[in-house]
Amino acid sequence: MITRALKGLLRSTGIQSPIDPKAELYRNMIRREARMGGDLFGPPPAGVRREFFCLDEHTIVWHEEWHDTAGRLQVKSVRYDVRPSGVLKTNNNGQYLAVSRDEVRRLAKAMQIYSKNLRIELYPFATV
């Protein structure tokens, strides 16, 4: 249903062959969720782009970008992988480390707030 509507919209704008409308829709929704999640703990400081989102049911990402005083782009990404044996994280695609119980609790609380905000602001029509 969505695919048919997207194809019709793309056709009406003159775009003949979309790469993959479902993938593009998914990417756009993740971007919206990431922006909303970036404000989870308040707005980021001026000049900082912050994102927080669920990539899939086992992966949570915290990402920030800013320019330092020399104008160089700085990036910090934390990826959490939720596994049956516990939660692991990697900073900037480095080594995976086990997450402490306290950090797991904070992450779980953040995910509860994130999920609630998504249900209210982005997906009020969806049922759980």
Protein backbone atom coordinates (compact mmCIF):
# COMPACT_ATOMS: atom_id res chain seq x y z
CA MET A 1 0.00 0.00 0.00
CA ILE A 2 2.68 2.49 1.00
CA THR A 3 4.84 1.42 -1.92
CA ARG A 4 2.03 2.07 -4.39
CA ALA A 5 1.41 5.52 -2.91
CA LEU A 6 5.12 6.35 -2.96
CA LYS A 7 5.45 5.19 -6.55
CA GLY A 8 2.49 7.35 -7.53
CA LEU A 9 3.97 10.35 -5.77
CA LEU A 10 7.37 9.82 -7.38
CA ARG A 11 5.78 9.37 -10.79
CA SER A 12 3.82 12.62 -10.39
CA THR A 13 7.06 14.48 -9.63
CA GLY A 14 8.76 13.12 -12.75
CA ILE A 15 11.04 10.64 -11.00
CA GLN A 16 10.93 7.53 -13.17
CA SER A 17 12.79 4.81 -11.29
CA PRO A 18 13.24 5.08 -7.56
CA ILE A 19 16.14 3.13 -6.11
CA ASP A 20 14.05 1.53 -3.38
CA PRO A 21 11.10 3.49 -2.00
CA LYS A 22 10.75 1.25 1.07
CA ALA A 23 14.42 1.70 1.95
CA GLU A 24 14.16 5.46 1.43
CA LEU A 25 11.06 5.64 3.63
CA TYR A 26 12.87 3.62 6.32
CA ARG A 27 15.91 5.94 6.17
CA ASN A 28 13.70 9.01 6.42
CA MET A 29 11.84 7.64 9.43
CA ILE A 30 15.14 6.74 11.16
CA ARG A 31 16.38 10.31 10.51
CA ARG A 32 13.22 11.76 12.10
CA GLU A 33 13.49 9.40 15.06
CA ALA A 34 17.19 10.24 15.44
CA ARG A 35 16.53 13.99 15.54
CA MET A 36 13.76 13.54 18.07
CA GLY A 37 15.93 11.22 20.17
CA GLY A 38 18.75 13.77 20.06
CA ASP A 39 16.61 16.08 22.18
CA LEU A 40 15.86 13.37 24.72
CA PHE A 41 18.02 14.98 27.42
CA GLY A 42 17.36 18.53 26.33
CA PRO A 43 18.39 20.41 23.22
CA PRO A 44 22.01 19.95 22.12
CA PRO A 45 24.35 22.92 22.50
CA ALA A 46 24.58 25.35 19.58
CA GLY A 47 26.61 23.90 16.73
CA VAL A 48 26.18 20.30 17.90
CA ARG A 49 24.22 17.72 15.95
CA ARG A 50 23.01 14.98 18.27
CA GLU A 51 21.09 11.85 17.36
CA PHE A 52 19.77 8.97 19.42
CA PHE A 53 17.83 6.14 17.79
CA CYS A 54 17.14 2.43 17.48
CA LEU A 55 18.70 1.11 14.32
CA ASP A 56 16.93 -2.23 14.79
CA GLU A 57 15.55 -4.27 17.67
CA HIS A 58 19.05 -5.02 19.01
CA THR A 59 21.00 -1.84 18.20
CA ILE A 60 20.83 1.61 19.79
CA VAL A 61 22.98 4.50 18.55
CA TRP A 62 24.04 7.80 20.18
CA HIS A 63 25.81 10.08 17.69
CA GLU A 64 27.17 13.61 18.03
CA GLU A 65 29.02 15.90 15.62
CA TRP A 66 30.52 19.34 16.22
CA HIS A 67 33.38 21.51 15.07
CA ASP A 68 36.22 22.15 17.51
CA THR A 69 37.87 25.54 18.01
CA ALA A 70 40.14 24.87 15.01
CA GLY A 71 37.10 24.19 12.82
CA ARG A 72 37.75 20.44 12.54
CA LEU A 73 34.76 18.13 12.55
CA GLN A 74 34.61 15.99 15.69
CA VAL A 75 32.44 12.89 15.86
CA LYS A 76 31.44 10.68 18.74
CA SER A 77 29.33 7.59 18.13
CA VAL A 78 28.30 5.08 20.74
CA ARG A 79 26.65 1.91 19.53
CA TYR A 80 24.89 -0.37 22.01
CA ASP A 81 24.27 -3.98 21.02
CA VAL A 82 21.63 -5.71 23.12
CA ARG A 83 22.35 -9.42 23.35
CA PRO A 84 20.88 -12.24 25.45
CA SER A 85 24.07 -12.28 27.51
CA GLY A 86 24.02 -8.52 28.19
CA VAL A 87 24.61 -5.16 26.57
CA LEU A 88 27.85 -4.34 24.78
CA LYS A 89 28.93 -0.96 23.48
CA THR A 90 31.55 0.43 21.18
CA ASN A 91 32.78 4.01 20.98
CA ASN A 92 33.60 5.23 17.46
CA ASN A 93 33.64 1.65 16.17
CA GLY A 94 36.36 0.59 18.59
CA GLN A 95 36.49 -2.45 20.83
CA TYR A 96 33.22 -3.77 22.26
CA LEU A 97 32.98 -3.53 26.03
CA ALA A 98 30.40 -4.85 28.48
CA VAL A 99 28.08 -2.18 29.86
CA SER A 100 27.73 -1.78 33.63
CA ARG A 101 24.40 -2.45 35.34
CA ASP A 102 24.02 1.26 36.09
CA GLU A 103 24.54 2.20 32.46
CA VAL A 104 22.07 -0.50 31.37
CA ARG A 105 19.48 0.98 33.75
CA ARG A 106 20.07 4.49 32.37
CA LEU A 107 19.87 3.18 28.80
CA ALA A 108 16.64 1.32 29.58
CA LYS A 109 15.12 4.48 31.09
CA ALA A 110 16.20 6.51 28.04
CA MET A 111 14.63 3.90 25.75
CA GLN A 112 11.34 4.04 27.69
CA ILE A 113 11.20 7.83 27.25
CA TYR A 114 12.30 7.57 23.60
CA SER A 115 9.61 4.98 22.84
CA LYS A 116 6.93 7.02 24.60
CA ASN A 117 7.93 10.18 22.69
CA LEU A 118 7.84 8.33 19.37
CA ARG A 119 4.39 6.91 20.10
CA ILE A 120 3.06 10.34 21.03
CA GLU A 121 4.79 12.57 18.47
CA LEU A 122 5.64 10.47 15.41
CA TYR A 123 3.41 7.41 15.48
CA PRO A 124 0.20 8.30 17.32
CA PHE A 125 -1.75 6.13 14.88
CA ALA A 126 0.28 2.98 15.62
CA THR A 127 -0.80 0.33 18.08
CA VAL A 128 1.66 -1.60 20.19
